[in-house]
């Protein structure tokens, strides 16, 4: 009888111990990012706050000063350490301070996710993702046109960046009998959702308004590779242009200052043209240009040129369609001097052609412009 009671007591104690052990073991990771580290109670961090500071970032330089440097401060309730990972393929760095700094080294505009994690003492975690754009400028001299030296991504919504662009205003034909009046109004030129929009509008009084912006006295340069991603208006009578004028225009006038037309579109909305203009020895204008046979209306395309000391080559979506040797004997070849950019949409005139009588408005959209040297 005693032996039977002793055996029963032993079995009962063993069963109770088993239940206690089961209740104190680690549970499921319900946080989605953590893994309860074996403590008696799961602790999940909350209120993760992440602040990123990009060196030199301001309204005029939204991606920083070109150094590639940025720093991060993270705080969270119930967090004893933090993790930081740059990009999808980066390795995680952990510390207890919540402070992190990093320097990007890839030249150009780096766009990547920054992952920030907050861990509790039970190893449960929460996370946030910050999508960053950081600009890294090189020191030049490579000779392969791979260093981004100037750009505008037109990020955000609002007026254009006045540290990079100036609006030209007025009418009077602008030398080609076009009919628009250029304004600085945001009705005609504005950033919307990261896109520059230059809008030609038929006003209630029957006149036409548009916009023309330039980098004169703000960015002028010689030689490089220029890339512009843009979508052109399709209405008849619009004359969109992405082009360059010699910086000495105020002193010597046109055409002696030179003109580089990266892209112009005339009456045929299925073609674009690249053209160079200069002054001949007899005082006449020299001109050489070629157009593409590619359809370009209603879609974004990349218009680019490669400008060297000896030639200028134009491309549409990476396909060459124009090249000119600029190292010839013409006395007024201006293509080894500084130039500046002009973006505009004209209406009608000698090259815009007849305007659709039903025209109300149309837009040239520019995603970005980038200059490499």
Protein backbone atom coordinates (compact mmCIF):
# COMPACT_ATOMS: atom_id res chain seq x y z
CA UNK A 1 0.00 0.00 0.00
CA UNK A 2 2.81 2.44 0.91
CA UNK A 3 4.74 1.64 -2.26
CA UNK A 4 1.64 2.25 -4.39
CA UNK A 5 1.05 5.66 -2.69
CA UNK A 6 4.68 6.67 -3.17
CA UNK A 7 4.55 5.86 -6.86
CA UNK A 8 1.33 7.84 -7.32
CA UNK A 9 2.84 10.89 -5.55
CA UNK A 10 5.93 10.78 -7.78
CA UNK A 11 3.85 10.68 -10.96
CA UNK A 12 1.73 13.62 -9.79
CA UNK A 13 4.78 15.81 -8.97
CA UNK A 14 6.38 14.96 -12.33
CA UNK A 15 3.22 15.96 -14.20
CA UNK A 16 3.00 19.30 -12.38
CA UNK A 17 6.69 20.04 -13.13
CA UNK A 18 6.15 19.32 -16.80
CA UNK A 19 3.25 21.79 -16.95
CA UNK A 20 5.34 24.49 -15.24
CA UNK A 21 8.24 24.04 -17.65
CA UNK A 22 5.88 24.22 -20.64
CA UNK A 23 4.32 27.45 -19.40
CA UNK A 24 7.69 29.19 -18.94
CA UNK A 25 9.14 28.40 -22.38
CA UNK A 26 9.47 31.04 -25.18
CA UNK A 27 6.31 31.76 -27.17
CA UNK A 28 5.70 32.64 -30.84
CA UNK A 29 7.23 35.84 -32.30
CA UNK A 30 4.03 37.78 -32.82
CA UNK A 31 5.88 41.06 -33.53
CA UNK A 32 6.69 40.00 -37.09
CA UNK A 33 10.32 41.04 -36.73
CA UNK A 34 11.53 39.67 -33.40
CA UNK A 35 12.07 36.35 -31.68
CA UNK A 36 11.40 36.44 -27.91
CA UNK A 37 14.80 35.60 -26.48
CA UNK A 38 13.59 33.13 -23.83
CA UNK A 39 12.46 35.57 -21.14
CA UNK A 40 9.41 34.92 -19.01
CA UNK A 41 7.46 37.74 -20.70
CA UNK A 42 7.67 39.04 -24.26
CA UNK A 43 8.63 42.74 -24.53
CA UNK A 44 8.02 44.51 -27.83
CA UNK A 45 9.51 47.99 -28.43
CA UNK A 46 7.18 50.82 -29.40
CA UNK A 47 7.32 54.40 -30.66
CA UNK A 48 10.33 54.03 -32.96
CA UNK A 49 11.35 57.51 -34.13
CA UNK A 50 14.02 57.91 -36.83
CA UNK A 51 15.68 61.21 -37.79
CA UNK A 52 18.04 61.35 -40.79
CA UNK A 53 20.38 64.27 -41.42
CA UNK A 54 21.99 64.53 -44.87
CA UNK A 55 25.11 66.71 -44.88
CA UNK A 56 24.50 69.98 -46.72
CA UNK A 57 20.84 69.27 -47.42
CA UNK A 58 18.64 72.31 -47.98
CA UNK A 59 15.89 73.50 -50.31
CA UNK A 60 18.42 74.15 -53.08
CA UNK A 61 20.37 70.91 -52.53
CA UNK A 62 17.76 68.33 -51.49
CA UNK A 63 20.21 65.41 -51.84
CA UNK A 64 23.06 66.99 -49.87
CA UNK A 65 26.30 68.76 -50.71
CA UNK A 66 27.85 65.95 -52.73
CA UNK A 67 29.88 64.50 -49.85
CA UNK A 68 27.59 61.45 -49.56
CA UNK A 69 27.55 61.78 -45.76
CA UNK A 70 24.46 61.24 -43.63
CA UNK A 71 23.71 60.47 -39.99
CA UNK A 72 20.81 58.81 -38.18
CA UNK A 73 19.35 59.10 -34.68
CA UNK A 74 16.86 56.46 -33.51
CA UNK A 75 14.84 56.27 -30.28
CA UNK A 76 12.19 53.81 -29.10
CA UNK A 77 10.38 52.83 -25.91
CA UNK A 78 11.61 49.57 -24.32
CA UNK A 79 14.59 49.39 -26.71
CA UNK A 80 18.03 48.40 -25.43
CA UNK A 81 19.79 48.40 -28.83
CA UNK A 82 19.29 49.46 -32.43
CA UNK A 83 20.20 48.09 -35.84
CA UNK A 84 20.93 49.92 -39.10
CA UNK A 85 21.17 48.52 -42.63
CA UNK A 86 21.95 50.55 -45.76
CA UNK A 87 20.32 49.16 -48.92
CA UNK A 88 18.78 45.77 -49.52
CA UNK A 89 22.12 43.97 -49.66
CA UNK A 90 23.88 45.73 -46.80
CA UNK A 91 24.85 44.15 -43.50
CA UNK A 92 23.24 45.24 -40.26
CA UNK A 93 25.19 47.35 -37.76
CA UNK A 94 24.00 47.30 -34.14
CA UNK A 95 24.67 49.57 -31.16
CA UNK A 96 23.06 50.71 -27.92
CA UNK A 97 23.24 54.45 -28.63
CA UNK A 98 20.84 54.73 -31.57
CA UNK A 99 23.43 56.85 -33.39
CA UNK A 100 24.64 55.87 -36.85
CA UNK A 101 26.63 57.60 -39.61
CA UNK A 102 27.51 56.52 -43.12
CA UNK A 103 29.23 57.81 -46.28
CA UNK A 104 28.01 56.82 -49.72
CA UNK A 105 30.79 56.38 -52.28
CA UNK A 106 29.01 55.62 -55.58
CA UNK A 107 29.12 58.74 -57.75
CA UNK A 108 25.88 60.38 -58.71
CA UNK A 109 22.49 60.22 -57.03
CA UNK A 110 22.20 57.16 -54.81
CA UNK A 111 18.60 56.06 -54.15
CA UNK A 112 18.23 53.32 -51.53
CA UNK A 113 16.25 52.15 -48.46
CA UNK A 114 17.64 52.59 -44.94
CA UNK A 115 16.38 49.96 -42.50
CA UNK A 116 16.30 50.88 -38.80
CA UNK A 117 15.50 48.30 -36.08
CA UNK A 118 14.78 48.69 -32.36
CA UNK A 119 15.37 45.62 -30.12
CA UNK A 120 14.05 44.88 -26.62
CA UNK A 121 15.78 42.85 -23.92
CA UNK A 122 13.81 39.81 -25.14
CA UNK A 123 15.24 40.33 -28.66
CA UNK A 124 11.85 41.30 -30.06
CA UNK A 125 12.10 44.11 -32.59
CA UNK A 126 10.21 46.67 -34.62
CA UNK A 127 11.49 48.47 -37.71
CA UNK A 128 11.13 51.46 -40.02
CA UNK A 129 12.26 52.06 -43.59
CA UNK A 130 13.51 55.46 -44.77
CA UNK A 131 13.84 55.85 -48.56
CA UNK A 132 16.81 58.14 -49.18
CA UNK A 133 18.44 59.98 -52.07
CA UNK A 134 22.07 61.01 -51.47
CA UNK A 135 24.25 62.88 -53.96
CA UNK A 136 27.95 61.99 -54.33
CA UNK A 137 30.13 64.20 -56.50
CA UNK A 138 33.55 63.15 -57.73
CA UNK A 139 36.73 65.14 -58.20
CA UNK A 140 36.71 64.88 -62.01
CA UNK A 141 39.70 64.17 -64.18
CA UNK A 142 38.66 60.65 -65.11
CA UNK A 143 37.96 61.64 -68.70
CA UNK A 144 35.13 59.13 -69.04
CA UNK A 145 32.16 61.47 -68.44
CA UNK A 146 31.02 59.45 -65.43
CA UNK A 147 31.11 62.08 -62.68
CA UNK A 148 27.80 63.83 -62.03
CA UNK A 149 28.65 67.53 -61.68
CA UNK A 150 25.23 69.20 -61.90
CA UNK A 151 21.63 68.08 -61.92
CA UNK A 152 18.03 68.90 -61.16
CA UNK A 153 15.67 66.04 -60.31
CA UNK A 154 12.72 68.45 -59.90
CA UNK A 155 11.63 66.58 -56.76
CA UNK A 156 8.60 67.81 -54.83
CA UNK A 157 5.85 70.22 -55.77
CA UNK A 158 6.07 73.99 -56.08
CA UNK A 159 8.05 76.69 -57.83
CA UNK A 160 11.29 75.91 -59.66
CA UNK A 161 14.65 76.04 -57.85
CA UNK A 162 15.72 79.65 -58.30
CA UNK A 163 19.32 78.86 -57.36
CA UNK A 164 19.51 76.85 -60.59
CA UNK A 165 16.99 78.46 -62.95
CA UNK A 166 15.76 81.89 -64.02
CA UNK A 167 12.50 82.51 -65.87
CA UNK A 168 12.51 84.71 -68.96
CA UNK A 169 9.35 86.71 -69.57
CA UNK A 170 7.80 88.64 -72.42
CA UNK A 171 6.54 88.17 -75.95
CA UNK A 172 7.13 89.72 -79.31
CA UNK A 173 7.99 86.70 -81.40
CA UNK A 174 11.47 85.95 -79.98
CA UNK A 175 12.97 86.06 -83.47
CA UNK A 176 10.85 83.30 -85.01
CA UNK A 177 7.41 84.93 -85.09
CA UNK A 178 5.97 82.61 -82.46
CA UNK A 179 2.94 83.96 -80.61
CA UNK A 180 3.31 82.96 -76.97
CA UNK A 181 3.96 85.29 -74.04
CA UNK A 182 6.41 83.82 -71.54
CA UNK A 183 5.51 84.25 -67.87
CA UNK A 184 6.93 83.28 -64.47
CA UNK A 185 3.51 82.15 -63.25
CA UNK A 186 3.14 78.71 -61.71
CA UNK A 187 0.28 78.28 -64.16
CA UNK A 188 2.99 77.96 -66.82
CA UNK A 189 6.02 76.52 -64.99
CA UNK A 190 5.88 74.39 -61.85
CA UNK A 191 7.17 71.23 -60.20
CA UNK A 192 4.38 68.71 -59.64
CA UNK A 193 5.09 65.35 -58.01
CA UNK A 194 8.77 65.38 -58.93
CA UNK A 195 8.21 66.50 -62.54
CA UNK A 196 8.95 69.89 -64.09
CA UNK A 197 5.96 71.01 -66.15
CA UNK A 198 6.13 73.79 -68.71
CA UNK A 199 2.56 74.48 -69.83
CA UNK A 200 1.44 76.32 -72.94
CA UNK A 201 -2.07 77.69 -72.36
CA UNK A 202 -4.62 79.44 -74.53
CA UNK A 203 -5.93 82.25 -72.34
CA UNK A 204 -9.54 83.46 -72.20
CA UNK A 205 -8.66 86.48 -74.36
CA UNK A 206 -7.27 84.25 -77.12
CA UNK A 207 -3.59 84.88 -76.42
CA UNK A 208 -1.10 82.13 -75.58
CA UNK A 209 1.05 81.92 -72.45
CA UNK A 210 3.98 79.61 -71.78
CA UNK A 211 7.33 79.54 -69.96
CA UNK A 212 11.05 79.65 -70.76
CA UNK A 213 13.67 78.92 -68.08
CA UNK A 214 17.46 79.14 -68.24
CA UNK A 215 20.62 78.53 -66.17
CA UNK A 216 22.46 81.62 -67.43
CA UNK A 217 24.84 83.02 -64.76
CA UNK A 218 23.88 80.09 -62.48
CA UNK A 219 25.30 77.08 -64.28
CA UNK A 220 27.54 77.45 -67.33
CA UNK A 221 29.98 74.77 -68.43
CA UNK A 222 32.09 73.30 -71.22
CA UNK A 223 32.08 69.65 -72.36
CA UNK A 224 30.32 66.68 -70.82
CA UNK A 225 27.48 64.25 -71.21
CA UNK A 226 23.98 65.65 -70.75
CA UNK A 227 20.93 63.47 -70.11
CA UNK A 228 17.37 64.82 -70.01
CA UNK A 229 14.35 62.59 -69.49
CA UNK A 230 11.28 64.32 -70.86
CA UNK A 231 7.84 63.86 -72.36
CA UNK A 232 6.82 66.28 -75.10
CA UNK A 233 3.50 67.98 -75.88
CA UNK A 234 1.60 66.51 -78.81
CA UNK A 235 -0.74 69.33 -79.86
CA UNK A 236 -0.19 70.89 -83.26
CA UNK A 237 1.47 74.28 -83.01
CA UNK A 238 3.58 73.49 -79.95
CA UNK A 239 7.34 73.90 -80.34
CA UNK A 240 9.16 72.35 -77.36
CA UNK A 241 12.93 72.71 -77.01
CA UNK A 242 15.71 71.56 -74.69
CA UNK A 243 18.75 73.51 -75.79
CA UNK A 244 21.91 75.46 -74.94
CA UNK A 245 23.24 78.91 -75.77
CA UNK A 246 26.79 80.24 -75.55
CA UNK A 247 27.44 82.06 -72.28
CA UNK A 248 29.04 84.97 -74.17
CA UNK A 249 25.74 85.73 -75.92
CA UNK A 250 25.39 89.17 -74.24
CA UNK A 251 28.81 90.20 -75.59
CA UNK A 252 28.93 88.72 -79.11
CA UNK A 253 25.30 88.02 -79.93
CA UNK A 254 23.78 85.16 -81.91
CA UNK A 255 24.85 83.14 -83.88
CA UNK A 256 28.47 83.88 -82.96
CA UNK A 257 27.85 82.70 -79.38
CA UNK A 258 26.76 79.32 -80.73
CA UNK A 259 23.70 77.18 -80.11
CA UNK A 260 23.39 73.48 -79.29
CA UNK A 261 19.87 72.12 -79.72
CA UNK A 262 19.73 68.91 -77.69
CA UNK A 263 16.12 68.39 -78.75
CA UNK A 264 13.56 70.37 -80.73
CA UNK A 265 10.23 69.17 -82.04
CA UNK A 266 8.40 70.94 -84.84
CA UNK A 267 5.23 70.15 -86.78
CA UNK A 268 5.97 66.42 -87.09
CA UNK A 269 5.20 65.02 -83.62
CA UNK A 270 6.80 61.70 -84.52
CA UNK A 271 10.29 63.17 -84.82
CA UNK A 272 12.77 65.29 -82.91
CA UNK A 273 15.85 67.10 -84.18
CA UNK A 274 19.30 68.02 -82.87
CA UNK A 275 21.05 71.00 -84.48
CA UNK A 276 24.18 73.12 -84.08
CA UNK A 277 24.33 76.83 -85.03
CA UNK A 278 27.39 79.06 -85.39
CA UNK A 279 28.65 82.09 -87.33
CA UNK A 280 30.35 81.69 -90.72
CA UNK A 281 33.29 83.77 -91.88
CA UNK A 282 31.01 85.79 -94.20
CA UNK A 283 28.73 86.64 -91.27
CA UNK A 284 25.97 84.19 -92.20
CA UNK A 285 24.71 81.50 -89.91
CA UNK A 286 26.16 78.01 -90.08
CA UNK A 287 23.76 75.20 -89.30
CA UNK A 288 23.88 71.44 -89.22
CA UNK A 289 21.18 69.16 -87.82
CA UNK A 290 19.51 65.79 -88.19
CA UNK A 291 16.18 64.44 -86.99
CA UNK A 292 15.15 61.00 -85.85
CA UNK A 293 12.58 58.66 -87.31
CA UNK A 294 11.39 57.51 -83.90
CA UNK A 295 7.96 58.20 -82.48
CA UNK A 296 8.36 60.43 -79.45
CA UNK A 297 5.00 61.94 -78.54
CA UNK A 298 3.12 61.05 -75.33
CA UNK A 299 5.97 59.03 -73.80
CA UNK A 300 9.02 59.79 -71.69
CA UNK A 301 12.33 59.51 -73.55
CA UNK A 302 15.94 60.28 -72.69
CA UNK A 303 17.46 63.00 -74.86
CA UNK A 304 21.24 63.20 -74.48
CA UNK A 305 24.38 64.58 -76.05
CA UNK A 306 28.04 63.84 -75.60
CA UNK A 307 30.02 67.06 -76.02
CA UNK A 308 33.81 66.86 -76.36
CA UNK A 309 36.54 69.18 -77.63
CA UNK A 310 36.24 67.65 -81.10
CA UNK A 311 32.63 66.57 -81.62
CA UNK A 312 29.03 66.70 -80.44
CA UNK A 313 26.93 63.53 -80.65
CA UNK A 314 23.18 63.27 -79.97
CA UNK A 315 21.20 60.25 -78.79
CA UNK A 316 17.57 59.29 -78.32
CA UNK A 317 17.14 56.62 -75.63
CA UNK A 318 20.80 55.73 -76.02
CA UNK A 319 20.69 55.37 -79.82
CA UNK A 320 22.93 57.76 -81.74
CA UNK A 321 21.29 59.74 -84.55
CA UNK A 322 23.49 62.81 -84.96
CA UNK A 323 27.21 63.64 -84.79
CA UNK A 324 29.24 66.63 -85.95
CA UNK A 325 32.98 67.24 -85.94
CA UNK A 326 33.50 70.62 -84.24
CA UNK A 327 37.27 70.79 -84.58
CA UNK A 328 37.21 72.15 -88.13
CA UNK A 329 38.58 75.39 -89.57
CA UNK A 330 35.52 77.62 -89.22
CA UNK A 331 36.76 80.86 -87.63
CA UNK A 332 33.77 81.22 -85.32
CA UNK A 333 33.26 77.67 -84.09
CA UNK A 334 32.08 78.44 -80.55
CA UNK A 335 31.84 74.90 -79.20
CA UNK A 336 34.89 75.11 -76.97
CA UNK A 337 33.34 77.82 -74.78
CA UNK A 338 30.90 77.74 -71.86
CA UNK A 339 27.18 77.24 -72.55
CA UNK A 340 24.00 77.38 -70.45
CA UNK A 341 20.66 75.53 -70.65
CA UNK A 342 17.27 76.79 -71.87
CA UNK A 343 13.97 74.86 -71.64
CA UNK A 344 10.85 76.28 -73.29
CA UNK A 345 7.64 75.59 -75.19
CA UNK A 346 6.93 78.07 -77.97
CA UNK A 347 3.69 78.33 -79.95
CA UNK A 348 3.37 78.68 -83.72
CA UNK A 349 5.90 80.74 -85.63
CA UNK A 350 8.19 79.68 -88.45
CA UNK A 351 8.90 76.26 -86.96
CA UNK A 352 5.97 75.62 -84.62
CA UNK A 353 3.55 75.80 -87.52
CA UNK A 354 -0.19 76.34 -87.49
CA UNK A 355 -1.82 76.04 -84.09
CA UNK A 356 -4.75 73.66 -83.71
CA UNK A 357 -7.86 75.91 -83.53
CA UNK A 358 -9.18 73.68 -80.74
CA UNK A 359 -6.01 74.02 -78.68
CA UNK A 360 -6.56 74.75 -74.97
CA UNK A 361 -3.28 73.71 -73.31
CA UNK A 362 -0.43 71.19 -73.52
CA UNK A 363 2.63 70.41 -71.43
CA UNK A 364 6.28 69.47 -71.71
CA UNK A 365 7.27 67.34 -68.71
CA UNK A 366 10.88 66.91 -67.56
CA UNK A 367 11.78 64.20 -65.05
CA UNK A 368 15.44 65.18 -64.65
CA UNK A 369 18.50 66.79 -66.18
CA UNK A 370 22.00 65.47 -65.35
CA UNK A 371 25.43 66.65 -66.46
CA UNK A 372 28.43 64.29 -66.26
CA UNK A 373 32.09 65.13 -66.81
